[in-house]
């Protein structure tokens, strides 16, 4: 018939039904650009529709109404301009420098930046960037000092690469911290920053260009705020910029990309030979319209005046929803497919749209749920059986054959699959050991290195816990990533390094009389702790000064307790 009602369970089944109905229409000779899939809002269905149409290998244009910030080019622009406002999170800096749009440095240099950030333990906060990165711009940075101490090769980041990273973040901080200026000046400064660090590739797609164009349009619109006559800070400018981008969406395509997926608002005034209308349930289409609890419709009606401020009534939203449904249904010239969810993915019953009920009554069709034209079962096997064989994909046909106790051979091509598996086995066959299999360097050389450098308790504990982790970290150099501090606490690695350094200085500086307890060892400890804490201050560790002072006092107390216990133990053993 010209009007078809389909029921499904949940958004994914609705999308599956929409894809099958589209395939049915294509088989009947309806061109793809003459078919539209319409929903009140596409957001709940965007991912499900993309997956369902991709599995059917059907062209679907989902560009209409797509949020601009979903595209990496717009996201990169927002990340760059808001780095200072968010206090330079390391993950964002890494993502930004690794973006294909980033032009501030070559790919080889940005890869070194990421390794440098990881090795220094930078996580977030300008204090960490200034304390951990700036002091290391004067020379090469060794990323694996523990390997060097054990006589193994390390990894050095050249000084110019460290300087380039520091120049990037410090330059952004300086530019994005300038005093208030006019909106047009702020807009031009933002354009200059974007042009200096980001650029679309020559082969950029339509979606990338649309998103980048939306960024430029937002900056142009903000420049018009000069009419307010007030200067703006970077904080106010970026807040407005982010709100504009978060509301920006892509325009509807021209129909050349296949089946059109549209919001009901964008489908107004357009005509198609066939329309698949999905999401027909209460509170979705029509959406739930609630009266403003602070300004009731009666008060709004009293405030309305033709010569004054025309304030709308919230109840008018019901008429708007009805009109949108009418436009969406009327956009179909030949065929209208109405898909509604009788339940959600969990099986909870849903209420069909009142508009669907009214349309079925006007068209002389049974009410939704009484005698639907097509019904999509929830069970996978029953869902596949409900579709005609000519609408099933090879994968679905193979699954249905297995569900029915048969073989998937006709659908999957068992001969080709067997041949592929045989080739995989041949590729994985290592054959007999060769002349060089099992050869290693002389064990005596490795043992001599270990006797010279020794194994730390941490390394021995790691080996006892997991030999493979020890092999990967200590032999292959694939050390585990150590999370940097979040300016509120020291990482275990940083705390351990401070403990080791203080104890090493203390015991190496302890005299015989202090060992024997004839003289107070407190001054020796104070001198050792003062030197180590001075070398590892709050700037180098990326902590707030007050938090570092608290951590310093705590570590000092713990070290004093340990030293007192250790000296008593050693003296008792000597006696």
Protein backbone atom coordinates (compact mmCIF):
# COMPACT_ATOMS: atom_id res chain seq x y z
CA UNK A 1 0.00 0.00 0.00
CA UNK A 2 0.89 3.65 -0.15
CA UNK A 3 1.06 3.82 3.67
CA UNK A 4 2.93 1.10 5.57
CA UNK A 5 3.15 0.77 9.36
CA UNK A 6 6.16 -1.05 10.85
CA UNK A 7 6.76 -1.76 14.54
CA UNK A 8 10.16 -2.53 16.07
CA UNK A 9 11.92 -2.76 19.44
CA UNK A 10 14.39 0.01 20.12
CA UNK A 11 16.36 2.43 17.98
CA UNK A 12 18.61 -0.22 16.40
CA UNK A 13 15.69 -2.31 15.22
CA UNK A 14 13.99 0.82 13.90
CA UNK A 15 17.15 1.65 11.93
CA UNK A 16 17.32 -1.96 10.66
CA UNK A 17 13.69 -1.76 9.54
CA UNK A 18 14.35 1.60 7.83
CA UNK A 19 17.31 0.09 5.94
CA UNK A 20 15.25 -2.93 4.82
CA UNK A 21 12.36 -0.73 3.69
CA UNK A 22 14.82 1.44 1.77
CA UNK A 23 16.28 -1.64 0.08
CA UNK A 24 12.76 -2.77 -0.80
CA UNK A 25 12.06 0.63 -2.39
CA UNK A 26 15.32 0.53 -4.34
CA UNK A 27 14.43 -2.92 -5.67
CA UNK A 28 11.11 -1.50 -6.83
CA UNK A 29 12.90 1.14 -8.89
CA UNK A 30 12.77 4.19 -6.62
CA UNK A 31 16.08 6.16 -6.98
CA UNK A 32 18.13 6.63 -3.81
CA UNK A 33 17.99 10.43 -3.98
CA UNK A 34 14.17 10.21 -4.04
CA UNK A 35 14.07 8.44 -0.67
CA UNK A 36 14.28 10.19 2.71
CA UNK A 37 14.55 8.87 6.27
CA UNK A 38 12.99 11.46 8.57
CA UNK A 39 12.92 11.70 12.39
CA UNK A 40 11.87 14.44 14.78
CA UNK A 41 15.54 14.63 15.71
CA UNK A 42 18.25 12.44 14.22
CA UNK A 43 20.52 12.37 17.27
CA UNK A 44 19.05 9.22 18.92
CA UNK A 45 19.25 7.40 15.56
CA UNK A 46 22.38 8.76 13.87
CA UNK A 47 24.75 5.96 14.88
CA UNK A 48 22.19 3.18 14.45
CA UNK A 49 21.23 4.42 10.97
CA UNK A 50 24.86 4.66 9.90
CA UNK A 51 25.52 1.06 11.01
CA UNK A 52 22.32 -0.36 9.50
CA UNK A 53 22.78 1.29 6.10
CA UNK A 54 26.50 0.43 6.02
CA UNK A 55 25.73 -3.26 6.60
CA UNK A 56 23.34 -3.12 3.62
CA UNK A 57 25.92 -1.17 1.58
CA UNK A 58 23.33 1.54 0.99
CA UNK A 59 24.38 5.18 0.46
CA UNK A 60 23.12 7.41 3.29
CA UNK A 61 23.66 11.15 3.61
CA UNK A 62 23.74 11.94 7.34
CA UNK A 63 25.25 15.39 6.97
CA UNK A 64 22.04 17.28 7.70
CA UNK A 65 21.91 18.57 11.26
CA UNK A 66 25.19 16.93 12.24
CA UNK A 67 26.88 18.88 15.05
CA UNK A 68 29.96 20.72 13.79
CA UNK A 69 32.02 19.78 16.86
CA UNK A 70 31.84 16.13 15.85
CA UNK A 71 34.37 16.87 13.14
CA UNK A 72 38.05 16.84 14.12
CA UNK A 73 38.84 20.09 12.32
CA UNK A 74 36.36 22.12 14.41
CA UNK A 75 37.34 20.24 17.58
CA UNK A 76 41.02 20.99 16.96
CA UNK A 77 40.26 24.70 16.53
CA UNK A 78 38.32 24.80 19.80
CA UNK A 79 41.02 22.84 21.63
CA UNK A 80 43.74 25.21 20.45
CA UNK A 81 41.93 28.38 21.48
CA UNK A 82 40.82 27.03 24.87
CA UNK A 83 44.13 25.49 25.96
CA UNK A 84 44.92 28.29 28.41
CA UNK A 85 41.37 28.42 29.76
CA UNK A 86 41.60 24.70 30.59
CA UNK A 87 45.10 25.07 32.05
CA UNK A 88 46.92 23.15 29.32
CA UNK A 89 45.84 19.51 29.85
CA UNK A 90 48.62 17.28 28.54
CA UNK A 91 46.25 14.92 26.74
CA UNK A 92 44.79 17.80 24.75
CA UNK A 93 48.25 19.09 23.84
CA UNK A 94 49.22 15.60 22.66
CA UNK A 95 46.01 15.17 20.65
CA UNK A 96 46.37 18.60 19.12
CA UNK A 97 50.01 18.18 18.11
CA UNK A 98 49.22 14.74 16.68
CA UNK A 99 46.30 16.01 14.64
CA UNK A 100 46.66 15.90 10.83
CA UNK A 101 45.65 19.58 10.81
CA UNK A 102 48.51 20.69 13.07
CA UNK A 103 51.22 22.66 11.25
CA UNK A 104 53.17 23.98 14.24
CA UNK A 105 55.77 21.21 13.93
CA UNK A 106 56.67 18.23 11.77
CA UNK A 107 55.29 14.79 12.59
CA UNK A 108 58.70 13.52 13.79
CA UNK A 109 59.02 16.41 16.22
CA UNK A 110 55.46 16.06 17.58
CA UNK A 111 56.12 12.34 18.19
CA UNK A 112 59.12 13.39 20.31
CA UNK A 113 56.91 15.89 22.10
CA UNK A 114 54.54 13.12 23.14
CA UNK A 115 57.37 10.95 24.46
CA UNK A 116 58.83 13.94 26.31
CA UNK A 117 55.50 14.79 27.95
CA UNK A 118 55.07 11.17 29.06
CA UNK A 119 58.62 10.91 30.40
CA UNK A 120 58.40 14.15 32.38
CA UNK A 121 55.08 13.10 33.90
CA UNK A 122 53.22 16.23 32.77
CA UNK A 123 49.50 15.79 33.15
CA UNK A 124 47.81 19.16 33.55
CA UNK A 125 48.39 22.63 34.89
CA UNK A 126 50.73 25.43 33.93
CA UNK A 127 52.80 24.80 37.05
CA UNK A 128 53.76 21.40 35.69
CA UNK A 129 54.68 22.76 32.25
CA UNK A 130 56.80 25.52 33.75
CA UNK A 131 58.37 23.38 36.45
CA UNK A 132 59.03 20.20 34.48
CA UNK A 133 59.59 21.40 30.91
CA UNK A 134 61.18 24.86 31.04
CA UNK A 135 64.27 23.84 33.10
CA UNK A 136 65.01 21.07 30.58
CA UNK A 137 65.14 23.29 27.51
CA UNK A 138 68.80 24.10 28.09
CA UNK A 139 70.10 20.79 26.81
CA UNK A 140 69.22 17.28 25.66
CA UNK A 141 66.69 15.40 27.79
CA UNK A 142 67.29 11.75 28.68
CA UNK A 143 63.94 9.95 28.75
CA UNK A 144 65.18 6.72 30.35
CA UNK A 145 67.79 7.58 32.97
CA UNK A 146 67.17 4.33 34.85
CA UNK A 147 68.33 2.36 31.80
CA UNK A 148 71.43 4.51 31.48
CA UNK A 149 72.27 3.90 35.16
CA UNK A 150 72.05 0.17 34.47
CA UNK A 151 74.40 0.43 31.48
CA UNK A 152 71.64 0.13 28.89
CA UNK A 153 70.99 2.51 25.99
CA UNK A 154 68.62 5.37 26.75
CA UNK A 155 66.64 7.76 24.56
CA UNK A 156 67.56 11.41 24.18
CA UNK A 157 65.28 14.22 23.06
CA UNK A 158 67.38 16.99 21.45
CA UNK A 159 67.33 20.40 23.13
CA UNK A 160 65.77 22.08 20.08
CA UNK A 161 62.74 19.76 20.26
CA UNK A 162 62.22 20.51 23.95
CA UNK A 163 62.59 24.23 23.23
CA UNK A 164 60.05 24.00 20.40
CA UNK A 165 57.46 22.41 22.72
CA UNK A 166 58.07 25.02 25.39
CA UNK A 167 57.83 27.79 22.79
CA UNK A 168 54.50 26.39 21.59
CA UNK A 169 52.79 26.21 24.98
CA UNK A 170 54.34 29.40 26.41
CA UNK A 171 53.53 31.34 23.25
CA UNK A 172 49.90 30.25 23.41
CA UNK A 173 49.72 31.17 27.07
CA UNK A 174 51.07 34.64 26.38
CA UNK A 175 48.78 35.33 23.42
CA UNK A 176 45.66 33.95 25.11
CA UNK A 177 46.35 36.01 28.23
CA UNK A 178 46.43 39.47 26.68
CA UNK A 179 44.31 42.26 28.22
CA UNK A 180 40.73 42.97 27.06
CA UNK A 181 40.21 44.21 23.51
CA UNK A 182 37.34 44.73 21.10
CA UNK A 183 35.45 41.74 19.75
CA UNK A 184 36.77 42.28 16.23
CA UNK A 185 40.37 42.38 17.48
CA UNK A 186 39.79 39.18 19.45
CA UNK A 187 38.29 37.55 16.38
CA UNK A 188 41.29 38.51 14.24
CA UNK A 189 43.71 37.27 16.90
CA UNK A 190 41.90 33.94 16.95
CA UNK A 191 42.14 33.70 13.16
CA UNK A 192 45.87 34.39 13.29
CA UNK A 193 46.37 31.68 15.93
CA UNK A 194 44.40 29.16 13.93
CA UNK A 195 46.24 30.00 10.73
CA UNK A 196 49.62 29.69 12.49
CA UNK A 197 48.96 26.22 13.92
CA UNK A 198 46.15 24.54 11.95
CA UNK A 199 45.45 24.01 8.27
CA UNK A 200 43.13 21.79 6.25
CA UNK A 201 44.90 19.27 4.00
CA UNK A 202 44.56 19.79 0.22
CA UNK A 203 42.39 16.68 -0.08
CA UNK A 204 40.03 17.68 2.76
CA UNK A 205 36.53 16.31 2.38
CA UNK A 206 33.26 18.18 2.33
CA UNK A 207 32.58 17.52 6.01
CA UNK A 208 35.99 18.91 7.02
CA UNK A 209 35.51 22.04 4.92
CA UNK A 210 32.00 22.56 6.28
CA UNK A 211 33.26 22.29 9.86
CA UNK A 212 36.17 24.66 9.21
CA UNK A 213 33.80 27.09 7.52
CA UNK A 214 31.57 26.99 10.59
CA UNK A 215 34.56 27.96 12.74
CA UNK A 216 35.31 30.94 10.51
CA UNK A 217 31.63 31.95 10.43
CA UNK A 218 31.48 31.87 14.24
CA UNK A 219 34.50 34.19 14.44
CA UNK A 220 32.90 36.57 11.93
CA UNK A 221 29.67 36.65 13.91
CA UNK A 222 31.53 37.42 17.12
CA UNK A 223 33.34 40.33 15.42
CA UNK A 224 29.94 41.98 14.96
CA UNK A 225 29.62 42.26 18.77
CA UNK A 226 31.66 45.49 18.51
CA UNK A 227 28.28 47.22 18.39
CA UNK A 228 27.96 46.54 22.10
CA UNK A 229 30.68 49.10 22.68
CA UNK A 230 32.34 47.04 25.41
CA UNK A 231 35.77 45.37 25.29
CA UNK A 232 35.90 41.64 25.93
CA UNK A 233 38.39 39.39 27.65
CA UNK A 234 39.61 36.16 26.16
CA UNK A 235 37.43 34.31 28.68
CA UNK A 236 34.23 36.03 27.48
CA UNK A 237 35.21 35.68 23.83
CA UNK A 238 35.98 31.96 24.05
CA UNK A 239 32.85 31.29 26.08
CA UNK A 240 30.73 32.84 23.32
CA UNK A 241 32.77 31.07 20.64
CA UNK A 242 32.30 27.67 22.26
CA UNK A 243 28.55 28.20 22.66
CA UNK A 244 28.23 29.15 18.99
CA UNK A 245 30.16 26.09 17.85
CA UNK A 246 28.21 23.77 20.15
CA UNK A 247 24.96 24.91 18.50
CA UNK A 248 26.28 24.90 14.93
CA UNK A 249 25.19 22.07 12.62
CA UNK A 250 25.86 21.16 9.03
CA UNK A 251 23.36 22.17 6.38
CA UNK A 252 21.36 19.63 4.40
CA UNK A 253 23.15 18.10 1.43
CA UNK A 254 22.05 18.39 -2.17
CA UNK A 255 20.90 14.77 -2.42
CA UNK A 256 23.77 13.50 -4.53
CA UNK A 257 25.12 11.30 -1.72
CA UNK A 258 22.20 8.83 -1.73
CA UNK A 259 19.31 8.41 0.69
CA UNK A 260 18.73 11.57 2.71
CA UNK A 261 18.48 11.44 6.51
CA UNK A 262 16.71 14.56 7.79
CA UNK A 263 15.33 16.14 10.92
CA UNK A 264 11.66 17.01 10.70
CA UNK A 265 12.59 20.70 10.70
CA UNK A 266 14.87 20.26 7.68
CA UNK A 267 12.34 18.12 5.80
CA UNK A 268 9.86 21.01 5.62
CA UNK A 269 9.08 22.08 2.08
CA UNK A 270 10.88 19.13 0.47
CA UNK A 271 9.27 16.39 -1.58
CA UNK A 272 10.37 12.77 -2.09
CA UNK A 273 8.87 9.79 -3.84
CA UNK A 274 9.20 7.76 -0.64
CA UNK A 275 9.65 8.75 3.00
CA UNK A 276 10.52 6.49 5.93
CA UNK A 277 9.36 8.25 9.11
CA UNK A 278 10.96 6.79 12.26
CA UNK A 279 10.78 7.45 16.02
CA UNK A 280 6.98 7.75 16.18
CA UNK A 281 6.48 7.47 19.93
CA UNK A 282 5.19 9.77 22.63
CA UNK A 283 7.66 12.34 24.06
CA UNK A 284 9.81 11.99 20.94
CA UNK A 285 7.40 12.84 18.11
CA UNK A 286 5.59 14.78 19.40
CA UNK A 287 8.19 15.98 21.85
CA UNK A 288 7.11 16.66 25.41
CA UNK A 289 5.95 20.26 25.78
CA UNK A 290 5.96 21.54 29.37
CA UNK A 291 4.61 24.81 30.67
CA UNK A 292 7.14 27.19 32.23
CA UNK A 293 6.68 26.85 36.03
CA UNK A 294 7.91 30.42 36.62
CA UNK A 295 5.95 32.16 33.86
CA UNK A 296 2.69 30.39 33.15
CA UNK A 297 0.94 30.63 29.80
CA UNK A 298 -1.79 32.77 31.32
CA UNK A 299 0.79 35.34 32.38
CA UNK A 300 2.47 35.10 28.99
CA UNK A 301 -0.83 35.79 27.25
CA UNK A 302 -1.42 38.82 29.48
CA UNK A 303 2.04 40.18 28.69
CA UNK A 304 1.59 39.88 24.95
CA UNK A 305 0.73 43.10 23.21
CA UNK A 306 0.93 43.97 19.51
CA UNK A 307 2.82 47.16 20.29
CA UNK A 308 5.17 45.61 22.83
CA UNK A 309 7.08 42.42 23.48
CA UNK A 310 5.44 39.42 21.82
CA UNK A 311 6.07 36.54 24.21
CA UNK A 312 5.01 33.12 23.03
CA UNK A 313 2.98 30.58 24.97
CA UNK A 314 4.62 27.24 25.71
CA UNK A 315 1.42 25.42 24.76
CA UNK A 316 1.96 26.65 21.20
CA UNK A 317 4.59 23.94 20.95
CA UNK A 318 1.80 21.36 20.50
CA UNK A 319 0.62 23.06 17.32
CA UNK A 320 4.21 23.29 16.10
CA UNK A 321 4.72 19.54 16.61
CA UNK A 322 1.50 18.73 14.78
CA UNK A 323 2.51 20.97 11.87
CA UNK A 324 5.96 19.34 11.66
CA UNK A 325 4.39 15.88 11.54
CA UNK A 326 2.05 17.01 8.79
CA UNK A 327 4.92 18.41 6.73
CA UNK A 328 7.01 15.25 7.25
CA UNK A 329 4.17 12.94 6.19
CA UNK A 330 3.11 15.18 3.30
CA UNK A 331 6.62 15.21 1.86
CA UNK A 332 6.01 11.66 0.54
CA UNK A 333 4.58 11.70 -2.98
CA UNK A 334 4.08 7.96 -3.52
CA UNK A 335 5.04 5.88 -0.48
CA UNK A 336 5.04 6.57 3.27
CA UNK A 337 6.57 4.10 5.73
CA UNK A 338 5.77 4.78 9.38
CA UNK A 339 8.12 3.09 11.89
CA UNK A 340 7.36 3.21 15.60
CA UNK A 341 9.00 1.48 18.62
CA UNK A 342 6.60 -0.75 20.49
CA UNK A 343 9.33 -1.13 23.15
CA UNK A 344 12.89 -0.03 23.89
CA UNK A 345 16.03 -2.21 23.70
CA UNK A 346 15.35 -3.55 27.22
CA UNK A 347 11.83 -4.61 26.29
CA UNK A 348 10.04 -1.83 28.18
CA UNK A 349 6.82 -0.93 26.37
CA UNK A 350 6.63 2.38 24.53
CA UNK A 351 3.52 4.40 23.71
CA UNK A 352 2.97 4.99 19.98
CA UNK A 353 2.64 8.57 18.86
CA UNK A 354 -0.83 10.08 18.98
CA UNK A 355 -0.12 11.55 15.55
CA UNK A 356 0.47 8.02 14.21
CA UNK A 357 -2.86 6.90 15.63
CA UNK A 358 -4.66 9.86 14.02
CA UNK A 359 -3.01 9.24 10.66
CA UNK A 360 -3.89 5.52 10.75
CA UNK A 361 -7.51 6.38 11.55
CA UNK A 362 -7.64 8.95 8.72
CA UNK A 363 -6.11 6.45 6.26
CA UNK A 364 -8.47 3.66 7.27
CA UNK A 365 -5.69 1.54 8.75
CA UNK A 366 -5.81 -0.47 12.01
CA UNK A 367 -4.48 1.30 15.09
CA UNK A 368 -0.78 0.78 15.85
CA UNK A 369 -0.22 -2.59 17.46
CA UNK A 370 -3.48 -4.15 16.25
CA UNK A 371 -2.53 -5.30 12.75
CA UNK A 372 0.73 -3.69 11.67
CA UNK A 373 1.77 -4.14 8.06
CA UNK A 374 5.16 -5.43 9.18
CA UNK A 375 6.48 -6.33 12.60
CA UNK A 376 10.19 -6.67 13.45
CA UNK A 377 10.64 -9.35 16.15
CA UNK A 378 13.11 -8.79 18.97
CA UNK A 379 14.80 -12.20 18.69
CA UNK A 380 17.64 -12.17 16.12
CA UNK A 381 16.57 -15.38 14.38
CA UNK A 382 12.91 -14.33 14.16
CA UNK A 383 13.93 -10.89 12.92
CA UNK A 384 15.87 -12.44 10.04
CA UNK A 385 13.01 -14.81 9.22
CA UNK A 386 10.62 -11.85 9.03
CA UNK A 387 12.54 -10.36 6.09
CA UNK A 388 12.17 -11.71 2.52
CA UNK A 389 15.24 -13.72 1.39
CA UNK A 390 16.07 -11.17 -1.32
CA UNK A 391 16.48 -8.44 1.35
CA UNK A 392 18.99 -10.39 3.47
CA UNK A 393 22.70 -9.66 3.27
CA UNK A 394 25.07 -12.65 2.77
CA UNK A 395 26.02 -12.45 6.42
CA UNK A 396 22.38 -12.45 7.54
CA UNK A 397 21.58 -15.33 5.19
CA UNK A 398 24.48 -17.33 6.63
CA UNK A 399 23.39 -16.61 10.21
CA UNK A 400 19.81 -17.60 9.41
CA UNK A 401 21.05 -20.85 7.89
CA UNK A 402 22.98 -21.59 11.08
CA UNK A 403 19.96 -20.69 13.25
CA UNK A 404 17.90 -23.17 11.23
CA UNK A 405 20.45 -25.94 11.80
CA UNK A 406 22.00 -25.74 8.34
CA UNK A 407 25.42 -24.74 7.06
CA UNK A 408 26.56 -21.21 6.25
CA UNK A 409 28.47 -22.52 3.23
CA UNK A 410 26.16 -21.17 0.50
CA UNK A 411 26.26 -17.65 1.91
CA UNK A 412 29.84 -17.41 3.13
CA UNK A 413 31.70 -19.40 0.49
CA UNK A 414 33.21 -22.22 2.51
CA UNK A 415 35.78 -23.10 -0.17
CA UNK A 416 37.24 -19.59 -0.14
CA UNK A 417 37.20 -19.55 3.65
CA UNK A 418 39.03 -22.90 3.86
CA UNK A 419 41.65 -21.73 1.39
CA UNK A 420 42.19 -18.53 3.39
CA UNK A 421 42.61 -20.48 6.62
CA UNK A 422 45.16 -22.78 4.97
CA UNK A 423 47.18 -19.76 3.85
CA UNK A 424 47.06 -18.27 7.34
CA UNK A 425 48.41 -21.54 8.76
CA UNK A 426 51.21 -21.50 6.19
CA UNK A 427 52.12 -17.92 7.07
CA UNK A 428 52.26 -18.77 10.78
CA UNK A 429 54.39 -21.90 10.25
CA UNK A 430 57.87 -21.11 11.56
CA UNK A 431 59.48 -24.26 10.22
CA UNK A 432 62.46 -26.07 11.69
CA UNK A 433 65.00 -24.08 13.77
CA UNK A 434 67.68 -22.42 11.70
CA UNK A 435 71.36 -21.79 12.30
CA UNK A 436 70.70 -18.49 14.09
CA UNK A 437 67.65 -19.43 16.17
CA UNK A 438 68.22 -19.20 19.92
CA UNK A 439 71.47 -17.25 19.73
CA UNK A 440 72.02 -14.58 22.40
CA UNK A 441 74.89 -12.45 23.51
CA UNK A 442 77.39 -14.15 25.86
CA UNK A 443 75.79 -14.62 29.26
CA UNK A 444 79.02 -13.61 31.00
CA UNK A 445 78.78 -10.10 29.55
CA UNK A 446 75.23 -9.65 30.83
CA UNK A 447 76.15 -11.03 34.26
CA UNK A 448 79.08 -8.64 34.50
CA UNK A 449 76.77 -5.70 33.79
CA UNK A 450 74.35 -6.87 36.47
CA UNK A 451 77.13 -7.32 39.04
CA UNK A 452 78.33 -3.81 38.29
CA UNK A 453 75.00 -2.00 38.34
CA UNK A 454 72.97 -4.36 40.49
CA UNK A 455 69.20 -4.79 40.52
CA UNK A 456 67.02 -2.41 42.48
CA UNK A 457 64.39 -3.82 44.86
CA UNK A 458 61.75 -2.47 42.48
CA UNK A 459 63.26 -4.42 39.57
CA UNK A 460 63.51 -7.62 41.63
CA UNK A 461 59.92 -7.24 42.79
CA UNK A 462 58.81 -6.68 39.20
CA UNK A 463 60.66 -9.82 38.06
CA UNK A 464 59.11 -11.89 40.86
CA UNK A 465 55.63 -10.56 40.04
CA UNK A 466 55.79 -10.96 36.25
CA UNK A 467 58.94 -11.98 34.37
CA UNK A 468 57.47 -10.81 31.07
CA UNK A 469 56.85 -7.30 32.41
CA UNK A 470 60.45 -7.26 33.63
CA UNK A 471 61.64 -8.40 30.19
CA UNK A 472 59.52 -5.79 28.38
CA UNK A 473 60.47 -2.93 30.70
CA UNK A 474 64.12 -3.66 31.52
CA UNK A 475 65.34 -5.51 28.44
CA UNK A 476 63.21 -4.14 25.61
CA UNK A 477 62.87 -0.71 27.18
CA UNK A 478 59.08 -0.67 26.90
CA UNK A 479 58.55 0.92 30.29
CA UNK A 480 55.05 1.36 31.62
CA UNK A 481 53.56 4.82 31.42
CA UNK A 482 53.76 6.67 34.73
CA UNK A 483 50.83 8.99 35.19
CA UNK A 484 51.86 12.53 36.08
CA UNK A 485 50.53 14.27 39.14
CA UNK A 486 47.33 16.24 38.88
CA UNK A 487 48.78 19.04 41.02
CA UNK A 488 47.17 17.49 44.08
CA UNK A 489 49.48 14.60 44.86
CA UNK A 490 52.90 13.16 44.09
CA UNK A 491 53.11 10.12 41.87
CA UNK A 492 54.58 6.99 43.48
CA UNK A 493 57.57 7.26 41.15
CA UNK A 494 58.35 10.86 42.13
CA UNK A 495 57.94 10.10 45.83
CA UNK A 496 60.19 7.04 45.53
CA UNK A 497 62.91 9.00 43.74
CA UNK A 498 62.91 11.62 46.50
CA UNK A 499 63.10 8.93 49.21
CA UNK A 500 66.01 7.18 47.48
CA UNK A 501 67.93 10.43 46.93
CA UNK A 502 67.57 11.57 50.56
CA UNK A 503 68.62 8.19 51.96
CA UNK A 504 71.60 7.97 49.62
CA UNK A 505 72.87 11.41 50.63
CA UNK A 506 72.20 10.75 54.30
CA UNK A 507 73.99 7.41 54.60
CA UNK A 508 76.93 8.52 52.44
CA UNK A 509 77.43 11.57 54.68
CA UNK A 510 77.05 9.80 58.03
CA UNK A 511 80.23 9.69 60.16
CA UNK A 512 81.36 6.85 62.44
CA UNK A 513 80.31 8.59 65.64
CA UNK A 514 76.88 9.21 64.22
CA UNK A 515 76.63 5.57 63.13
CA UNK A 516 77.40 4.50 66.69
CA UNK A 517 74.92 6.94 68.18
CA UNK A 518 77.51 9.05 69.99
CA UNK A 519 76.40 12.10 68.05
CA UNK A 520 73.00 13.30 66.89
CA UNK A 521 72.40 12.40 63.22
CA UNK A 522 69.65 15.03 62.85
CA UNK A 523 71.83 17.75 61.26
CA UNK A 524 73.13 15.28 58.65
CA UNK A 525 69.56 14.36 57.76
CA UNK A 526 68.47 18.00 57.61
CA UNK A 527 71.35 18.81 55.24
CA UNK A 528 70.62 15.81 52.97
CA UNK A 529 66.87 16.44 52.92
CA UNK A 530 67.37 20.16 52.28
CA UNK A 531 69.57 19.49 49.24
CA UNK A 532 67.18 16.91 47.72
CA UNK A 533 64.05 18.94 48.43
CA UNK A 534 65.77 21.97 46.90
CA UNK A 535 66.55 20.07 43.72
CA UNK A 536 62.99 18.69 43.55
CA UNK A 537 60.86 21.68 44.51
CA UNK A 538 57.21 22.34 43.70
CA UNK A 539 58.10 23.76 40.29
CA UNK A 540 59.95 20.64 39.16
CA UNK A 541 57.22 18.32 40.49
CA UNK A 542 54.30 20.38 39.22
CA UNK A 543 52.52 20.84 42.55
CA UNK A 544 50.99 23.86 44.17
CA UNK A 545 53.43 25.34 46.74
CA UNK A 546 51.15 24.65 49.71
CA UNK A 547 50.57 21.05 48.63
CA UNK A 548 54.31 20.54 48.10
CA UNK A 549 55.03 21.88 51.59
CA UNK A 550 52.54 19.40 53.03
CA UNK A 551 54.09 16.52 51.04
CA UNK A 552 57.61 17.60 52.11
CA UNK A 553 56.69 17.58 55.80
CA UNK A 554 55.03 14.17 55.45
CA UNK A 555 58.03 12.63 53.65
CA UNK A 556 60.46 14.11 56.16
CA UNK A 557 58.57 12.56 59.05
CA UNK A 558 58.44 9.18 57.33
CA UNK A 559 62.16 9.30 56.51
CA UNK A 560 63.08 10.19 60.10
CA UNK A 561 61.04 7.25 61.41
CA UNK A 562 62.62 4.86 58.93
CA UNK A 563 66.18 6.05 59.65
CA UNK A 564 65.68 5.77 63.40
CA UNK A 565 64.39 2.21 63.02
CA UNK A 566 67.13 1.27 60.54
CA UNK A 567 70.01 2.59 62.69
CA UNK A 568 68.70 0.80 65.77
CA UNK A 569 68.46 -2.42 63.77
CA UNK A 570 72.01 -2.06 62.42
CA UNK A 571 73.47 -1.27 65.85
CA UNK A 572 71.72 -4.27 67.41
CA UNK A 573 73.05 -6.51 64.63
CA UNK A 574 76.60 -5.19 65.17
CA UNK A 575 76.49 -5.99 68.89
